[in-house]
Amino acid sequence: MSDPIPPPPERPKRKRGRPRSSEQALPWHKVLHDGPDHPKTYALARELRVEKPLYAWAYVSKMWCWVNRFRGDGELSRDDGVTMALYLDPNLDPNALVRALIKCGWLDDLGPILLVHKWEETQGAIITKRS
């Protein structure tokens, strides 16, 4: 008589919910639920002469992704601002894009430093958790 067929190995249980701090997690940031309809988004669309406000919102969202990845504290030098603007849209004048983001209130101009408006207030808890 041949050996009986062994039972299949147990599958590992699938984890649900947020990963624990010891597990690897994808980077993320908070997004304003009213961002696409925010008056500052409409102002940016007018300033940049883009067809739809949603396109302007894409610049803001992409800006947050870049800052989250490379300047987690939300502070940018003037050169960082230009580099970020080139990332947002290489076809636009980067200085004009930075000026538009400042004029519309998405960036705060602190002289030699640019600060993402209310970055600490909106993203601070996330940044603290990562540290």
N, C-alpha and C. Protein backbone atom coordinates (compact mmCIF):
# COMPACT_ATOMS: atom_id res chain seq x y z
N MET A 1 0.83 -1.16 0.00
CA MET A 1 0.00 0.00 0.00
C MET A 1 0.89 1.24 0.00
N SER A 2 0.54 2.28 -0.81
CA SER A 2 1.36 3.48 -0.89
C SER A 2 1.05 4.42 0.27
N ASP A 3 1.98 5.35 0.45
CA ASP A 3 1.80 6.33 1.53
C ASP A 3 0.58 7.21 1.23
N PRO A 4 -0.16 7.58 2.27
CA PRO A 4 -1.32 8.46 2.02
C PRO A 4 -0.84 9.84 1.58
N ILE A 5 -1.66 10.51 0.83
CA ILE A 5 -1.33 11.85 0.34
C ILE A 5 -1.36 12.81 1.52
N PRO A 6 -0.25 13.56 1.70
CA PRO A 6 -0.24 14.49 2.85
C PRO A 6 -1.20 15.65 2.61
N PRO A 7 -1.72 16.22 3.68
CA PRO A 7 -2.63 17.36 3.50
C PRO A 7 -1.86 18.57 2.96
N PRO A 8 -2.55 19.45 2.27
CA PRO A 8 -1.87 20.64 1.75
C PRO A 8 -1.39 21.52 2.91
N PRO A 9 -0.30 22.25 2.68
CA PRO A 9 0.19 23.12 3.76
C PRO A 9 -0.82 24.23 4.04
N GLU A 10 -0.81 24.69 5.27
CA GLU A 10 -1.73 25.76 5.64
C GLU A 10 -1.31 27.06 4.98
N ARG A 11 -2.29 27.77 4.50
CA ARG A 11 -2.01 29.09 3.93
C ARG A 11 -1.82 30.10 5.05
N PRO A 12 -0.89 31.02 4.85
CA PRO A 12 -0.76 32.06 5.88
C PRO A 12 -2.02 32.93 5.88
N LYS A 13 -2.42 33.34 7.06
CA LYS A 13 -3.61 34.18 7.15
C LYS A 13 -3.31 35.55 6.58
N ARG A 14 -4.26 36.06 5.84
CA ARG A 14 -4.11 37.37 5.23
C ARG A 14 -4.32 38.45 6.28
N LYS A 15 -3.39 39.39 6.30
CA LYS A 15 -3.51 40.48 7.26
C LYS A 15 -4.45 41.52 6.69
N ARG A 16 -5.21 42.10 7.55
CA ARG A 16 -6.14 43.15 7.13
C ARG A 16 -5.86 44.42 7.90
N GLY A 17 -6.32 45.51 7.33
CA GLY A 17 -6.15 46.80 7.99
C GLY A 17 -4.80 47.40 7.70
N ARG A 18 -4.46 48.41 8.47
CA ARG A 18 -3.19 49.11 8.29
C ARG A 18 -2.02 48.23 8.67
N PRO A 19 -0.91 48.35 7.95
CA PRO A 19 0.27 47.61 8.35
C PRO A 19 0.79 48.14 9.67
N ARG A 20 1.35 47.26 10.47
CA ARG A 20 1.97 47.71 11.71
C ARG A 20 3.27 48.41 11.39
N SER A 21 3.78 49.15 12.34
CA SER A 21 4.98 49.94 12.09
C SER A 21 6.16 49.06 11.68
N SER A 22 6.17 47.82 12.11
CA SER A 22 7.28 46.94 11.74
C SER A 22 7.14 46.41 10.31
N GLU A 23 5.96 46.56 9.73
CA GLU A 23 5.73 46.10 8.37
C GLU A 23 5.99 47.24 7.39
N GLN A 24 6.27 46.88 6.18
CA GLN A 24 6.50 47.89 5.17
C GLN A 24 5.17 48.45 4.68
N ALA A 25 5.11 49.77 4.58
CA ALA A 25 3.89 50.42 4.11
C ALA A 25 4.25 51.37 2.97
N LEU A 26 3.31 51.58 2.09
CA LEU A 26 3.52 52.54 1.01
C LEU A 26 3.43 53.95 1.58
N PRO A 27 4.24 54.86 1.07
CA PRO A 27 4.13 56.24 1.55
C PRO A 27 2.79 56.83 1.13
N TRP A 28 2.27 57.71 1.95
CA TRP A 28 1.00 58.32 1.65
C TRP A 28 0.96 59.69 2.29
N HIS A 29 -0.03 60.48 1.87
CA HIS A 29 -0.26 61.78 2.48
C HIS A 29 -1.75 62.08 2.44
N LYS A 30 -2.17 62.98 3.31
CA LYS A 30 -3.58 63.37 3.33
C LYS A 30 -3.89 64.25 2.13
N VAL A 31 -5.09 64.12 1.64
CA VAL A 31 -5.56 64.95 0.53
C VAL A 31 -6.86 65.61 0.96
N LEU A 32 -6.99 66.89 0.69
CA LEU A 32 -8.23 67.59 1.01
C LEU A 32 -9.37 67.03 0.18
N HIS A 33 -10.45 66.67 0.84
CA HIS A 33 -11.58 66.13 0.08
C HIS A 33 -12.23 67.19 -0.80
N ASP A 34 -12.06 68.46 -0.44
CA ASP A 34 -12.65 69.51 -1.25
C ASP A 34 -11.62 70.21 -2.14
N GLY A 35 -10.43 69.63 -2.24
CA GLY A 35 -9.35 70.24 -3.01
C GLY A 35 -9.69 70.57 -4.45
N PRO A 36 -10.28 69.65 -5.19
CA PRO A 36 -10.60 69.97 -6.59
C PRO A 36 -11.57 71.13 -6.74
N ASP A 37 -12.41 71.35 -5.74
CA ASP A 37 -13.39 72.43 -5.80
C ASP A 37 -12.99 73.65 -4.97
N HIS A 38 -11.81 73.64 -4.42
CA HIS A 38 -11.36 74.72 -3.55
C HIS A 38 -11.17 76.00 -4.36
N PRO A 39 -11.52 77.15 -3.80
CA PRO A 39 -11.33 78.41 -4.52
C PRO A 39 -9.88 78.65 -4.96
N LYS A 40 -8.92 78.17 -4.17
CA LYS A 40 -7.52 78.33 -4.57
C LYS A 40 -7.20 77.51 -5.82
N THR A 41 -7.88 76.38 -5.98
CA THR A 41 -7.68 75.57 -7.18
C THR A 41 -8.22 76.30 -8.41
N TYR A 42 -9.38 76.93 -8.26
CA TYR A 42 -9.93 77.70 -9.37
C TYR A 42 -9.04 78.89 -9.70
N ALA A 43 -8.50 79.53 -8.66
CA ALA A 43 -7.58 80.66 -8.88
C ALA A 43 -6.33 80.20 -9.62
N LEU A 44 -5.81 79.03 -9.25
CA LEU A 44 -4.62 78.50 -9.92
C LEU A 44 -4.93 78.17 -11.38
N ALA A 45 -6.11 77.63 -11.63
CA ALA A 45 -6.50 77.32 -13.01
C ALA A 45 -6.54 78.59 -13.85
N ARG A 46 -7.11 79.66 -13.28
CA ARG A 46 -7.15 80.93 -14.02
C ARG A 46 -5.75 81.49 -14.22
N GLU A 47 -4.93 81.41 -13.17
CA GLU A 47 -3.57 81.97 -13.25
C GLU A 47 -2.73 81.25 -14.30
N LEU A 48 -2.87 79.94 -14.37
CA LEU A 48 -2.07 79.15 -15.32
C LEU A 48 -2.76 79.01 -16.67
N ARG A 49 -3.99 79.50 -16.74
CA ARG A 49 -4.78 79.41 -17.97
C ARG A 49 -4.96 77.95 -18.43
N VAL A 50 -5.28 77.10 -17.47
CA VAL A 50 -5.56 75.71 -17.82
C VAL A 50 -7.05 75.56 -18.06
N GLU A 51 -7.39 74.59 -18.88
CA GLU A 51 -8.76 74.42 -19.35
C GLU A 51 -9.75 74.11 -18.23
N LYS A 52 -9.35 73.23 -17.31
CA LYS A 52 -10.26 72.78 -16.25
C LYS A 52 -9.58 72.91 -14.89
N PRO A 53 -10.33 73.27 -13.86
CA PRO A 53 -9.75 73.35 -12.52
C PRO A 53 -9.15 72.03 -12.06
N LEU A 54 -9.70 70.93 -12.53
CA LEU A 54 -9.15 69.63 -12.14
C LEU A 54 -7.69 69.49 -12.58
N TYR A 55 -7.34 70.10 -13.70
CA TYR A 55 -5.94 70.07 -14.15
C TYR A 55 -5.07 70.85 -13.17
N ALA A 56 -5.57 71.96 -12.66
CA ALA A 56 -4.82 72.73 -11.67
C ALA A 56 -4.68 71.91 -10.38
N TRP A 57 -5.73 71.19 -10.02
CA TRP A 57 -5.67 70.35 -8.82
C TRP A 57 -4.59 69.27 -8.99
N ALA A 58 -4.41 68.80 -10.20
CA ALA A 58 -3.35 67.80 -10.44
C ALA A 58 -1.98 68.38 -10.09
N TYR A 59 -1.75 69.65 -10.39
CA TYR A 59 -0.48 70.28 -10.01
C TYR A 59 -0.31 70.29 -8.50
N VAL A 60 -1.36 70.65 -7.78
CA VAL A 60 -1.29 70.72 -6.32
C VAL A 60 -1.05 69.33 -5.74
N SER A 61 -1.80 68.37 -6.21
CA SER A 61 -1.66 67.00 -5.72
C SER A 61 -0.26 66.46 -6.00
N LYS A 62 0.22 66.71 -7.20
CA LYS A 62 1.57 66.27 -7.57
C LYS A 62 2.63 66.99 -6.74
N MET A 63 2.38 68.27 -6.43
CA MET A 63 3.30 69.03 -5.59
C MET A 63 3.39 68.37 -4.21
N TRP A 64 2.24 68.00 -3.65
CA TRP A 64 2.25 67.35 -2.34
C TRP A 64 3.02 66.03 -2.39
N CYS A 65 2.85 65.27 -3.47
CA CYS A 65 3.61 64.01 -3.60
C CYS A 65 5.10 64.28 -3.60
N TRP A 66 5.54 65.28 -4.37
CA TRP A 66 6.96 65.60 -4.46
C TRP A 66 7.49 66.06 -3.10
N VAL A 67 6.77 66.95 -2.46
CA VAL A 67 7.21 67.47 -1.15
C VAL A 67 7.24 66.34 -0.13
N ASN A 68 6.23 65.52 -0.12
CA ASN A 68 6.16 64.40 0.81
C ASN A 68 7.38 63.48 0.63
N ARG A 69 7.78 63.29 -0.58
CA ARG A 69 8.89 62.38 -0.87
C ARG A 69 10.26 62.99 -0.61
N PHE A 70 10.45 64.26 -0.99
CA PHE A 70 11.78 64.84 -0.96
C PHE A 70 11.98 65.92 0.10
N ARG A 71 10.94 66.56 0.56
CA ARG A 71 11.05 67.63 1.56
C ARG A 71 9.94 67.45 2.59
N GLY A 72 10.04 66.38 3.36
CA GLY A 72 8.98 65.99 4.28
C GLY A 72 8.54 67.05 5.27
N ASP A 73 9.41 68.03 5.54
CA ASP A 73 9.01 69.07 6.49
C ASP A 73 8.22 70.19 5.82
N GLY A 74 8.05 70.12 4.50
CA GLY A 74 7.26 71.11 3.80
C GLY A 74 8.00 72.38 3.44
N GLU A 75 9.29 72.46 3.80
CA GLU A 75 10.10 73.65 3.49
C GLU A 75 10.93 73.41 2.24
N LEU A 76 10.90 74.40 1.35
CA LEU A 76 11.66 74.30 0.10
C LEU A 76 12.52 75.54 -0.05
N SER A 77 13.73 75.34 -0.54
CA SER A 77 14.53 76.50 -0.93
C SER A 77 13.98 76.98 -2.27
N ARG A 78 14.44 78.14 -2.71
CA ARG A 78 14.00 78.63 -4.03
C ARG A 78 14.39 77.64 -5.12
N ASP A 79 15.59 77.06 -5.02
CA ASP A 79 16.02 76.08 -6.03
C ASP A 79 15.15 74.83 -5.98
N ASP A 80 14.76 74.41 -4.77
CA ASP A 80 13.84 73.27 -4.64
C ASP A 80 12.52 73.56 -5.34
N GLY A 81 12.06 74.80 -5.20
CA GLY A 81 10.80 75.20 -5.83
C GLY A 81 10.86 75.06 -7.34
N VAL A 82 11.97 75.48 -7.90
CA VAL A 82 12.14 75.36 -9.35
C VAL A 82 12.22 73.89 -9.76
N THR A 83 12.97 73.10 -9.01
CA THR A 83 13.09 71.67 -9.31
C THR A 83 11.71 71.00 -9.23
N MET A 84 10.96 71.33 -8.18
CA MET A 84 9.63 70.77 -8.02
C MET A 84 8.73 71.18 -9.19
N ALA A 85 8.80 72.44 -9.58
CA ALA A 85 7.96 72.93 -10.69
C ALA A 85 8.30 72.21 -11.99
N LEU A 86 9.57 71.91 -12.21
CA LEU A 86 9.95 71.15 -13.40
C LEU A 86 9.37 69.75 -13.36
N TYR A 87 9.27 69.17 -12.16
CA TYR A 87 8.64 67.86 -11.99
C TYR A 87 7.14 67.97 -12.29
N LEU A 88 6.51 69.05 -11.81
CA LEU A 88 5.07 69.20 -12.02
C LEU A 88 4.71 69.30 -13.49
N ASP A 89 5.48 70.11 -14.23
CA ASP A 89 5.21 70.26 -15.65
C ASP A 89 6.44 70.84 -16.34
N PRO A 90 7.22 70.00 -17.01
CA PRO A 90 8.43 70.48 -17.67
C PRO A 90 8.16 71.44 -18.83
N ASN A 91 6.91 71.54 -19.26
CA ASN A 91 6.58 72.44 -20.38
C ASN A 91 6.24 73.86 -19.94
N LEU A 92 6.08 74.06 -18.63
CA LEU A 92 5.79 75.39 -18.11
C LEU A 92 7.06 76.05 -17.60
N ASP A 93 7.06 77.38 -17.57
CA ASP A 93 8.16 78.11 -16.95
C ASP A 93 8.11 77.81 -15.45
N PRO A 94 9.16 77.19 -14.89
CA PRO A 94 9.10 76.79 -13.49
C PRO A 94 8.93 77.98 -12.53
N ASN A 95 9.56 79.10 -12.83
CA ASN A 95 9.41 80.27 -11.96
C ASN A 95 7.98 80.80 -12.00
N ALA A 96 7.35 80.76 -13.17
CA ALA A 96 5.96 81.21 -13.29
C ALA A 96 5.03 80.28 -12.51
N LEU A 97 5.31 79.00 -12.54
CA LEU A 97 4.48 78.04 -11.81
C LEU A 97 4.61 78.26 -10.31
N VAL A 98 5.84 78.47 -9.84
CA VAL A 98 6.05 78.75 -8.41
C VAL A 98 5.34 80.04 -8.02
N ARG A 99 5.46 81.09 -8.84
CA ARG A 99 4.77 82.35 -8.55
C ARG A 99 3.25 82.15 -8.48
N ALA A 100 2.72 81.34 -9.39
CA ALA A 100 1.27 81.08 -9.40
C ALA A 100 0.85 80.33 -8.13
N LEU A 101 1.64 79.35 -7.71
CA LEU A 101 1.32 78.60 -6.49
C LEU A 101 1.36 79.51 -5.26
N ILE A 102 2.30 80.47 -5.26
CA ILE A 102 2.37 81.44 -4.17
C ILE A 102 1.17 82.39 -4.22
N LYS A 103 0.90 82.93 -5.39
CA LYS A 103 -0.19 83.90 -5.55
C LYS A 103 -1.53 83.31 -5.16
N CYS A 104 -1.73 82.04 -5.46
CA CYS A 104 -3.01 81.40 -5.18
C CYS A 104 -3.09 80.79 -3.78
N GLY A 105 -2.00 80.87 -3.02
CA GLY A 105 -2.03 80.44 -1.63
C GLY A 105 -1.67 79.00 -1.36
N TRP A 106 -1.17 78.28 -2.36
CA TRP A 106 -0.75 76.90 -2.12
C TRP A 106 0.66 76.83 -1.55
N LEU A 107 1.47 77.84 -1.81
CA LEU A 107 2.81 77.96 -1.22
C LEU A 107 2.88 79.29 -0.48
N ASP A 108 3.57 79.29 0.66
CA ASP A 108 3.81 80.52 1.40
C ASP A 108 5.24 80.99 1.11
N ASP A 109 5.38 82.26 0.79
CA ASP A 109 6.68 82.85 0.47
C ASP A 109 7.27 83.44 1.75
N LEU A 110 8.32 82.82 2.27
CA LEU A 110 8.98 83.28 3.48
C LEU A 110 10.38 83.81 3.17
N GLY A 111 10.50 84.51 2.06
CA GLY A 111 11.80 85.04 1.65
C GLY A 111 12.62 83.98 0.95
N PRO A 112 13.71 83.52 1.59
CA PRO A 112 14.53 82.51 0.93
C PRO A 112 13.91 81.11 0.96
N ILE A 113 12.87 80.95 1.77
CA ILE A 113 12.23 79.65 1.94
C ILE A 113 10.80 79.71 1.42
N LEU A 114 10.37 78.64 0.78
CA LEU A 114 8.97 78.44 0.42
C LEU A 114 8.42 77.36 1.33
N LEU A 115 7.21 77.56 1.80
CA LEU A 115 6.60 76.59 2.69
C LEU A 115 5.25 76.18 2.11
N VAL A 116 5.01 74.88 2.03
CA VAL A 116 3.71 74.42 1.56
C VAL A 116 2.68 74.87 2.59
N HIS A 117 1.66 75.56 2.11
CA HIS A 117 0.67 76.17 3.00
C HIS A 117 0.04 75.13 3.93
N LYS A 118 0.12 75.38 5.23
CA LYS A 118 -0.45 74.52 6.28
C LYS A 118 0.07 73.08 6.23
N TRP A 119 1.30 72.90 5.77
CA TRP A 119 1.85 71.54 5.67
C TRP A 119 1.91 70.86 7.03
N GLU A 120 2.43 71.55 8.01
CA GLU A 120 2.56 70.95 9.35
C GLU A 120 1.18 70.60 9.91
N GLU A 121 0.21 71.46 9.66
CA GLU A 121 -1.14 71.24 10.17
C GLU A 121 -1.79 70.02 9.51
N THR A 122 -1.61 69.87 8.22
CA THR A 122 -2.28 68.77 7.50
C THR A 122 -1.47 67.49 7.46
N GLN A 123 -0.15 67.59 7.37
CA GLN A 123 0.68 66.40 7.20
C GLN A 123 1.57 66.10 8.41
N GLY A 124 1.58 66.97 9.39
CA GLY A 124 2.49 66.84 10.52
C GLY A 124 2.43 65.51 11.25
N ALA A 125 1.24 65.01 11.52
CA ALA A 125 1.09 63.75 12.25
C ALA A 125 1.68 62.59 11.46
N ILE A 126 1.52 62.62 10.15
CA ILE A 126 2.05 61.56 9.29
C ILE A 126 3.57 61.59 9.31
N ILE A 127 4.13 62.80 9.17
CA ILE A 127 5.57 62.96 9.15
C ILE A 127 6.16 62.52 10.48
N THR A 128 5.51 62.87 11.59
CA THR A 128 5.98 62.48 12.92
C THR A 128 5.98 60.97 13.06
N LYS A 129 4.94 60.30 12.56
CA LYS A 129 4.87 58.84 12.65
C LYS A 129 6.01 58.17 11.92
N ARG A 130 6.42 58.75 10.79
CA ARG A 130 7.50 58.15 10.00
C ARG A 130 8.86 58.30 10.65
N SER A 131 9.01 59.32 11.46
CA SER A 131 10.33 59.59 12.08
C SER A 131 10.69 58.60 13.14
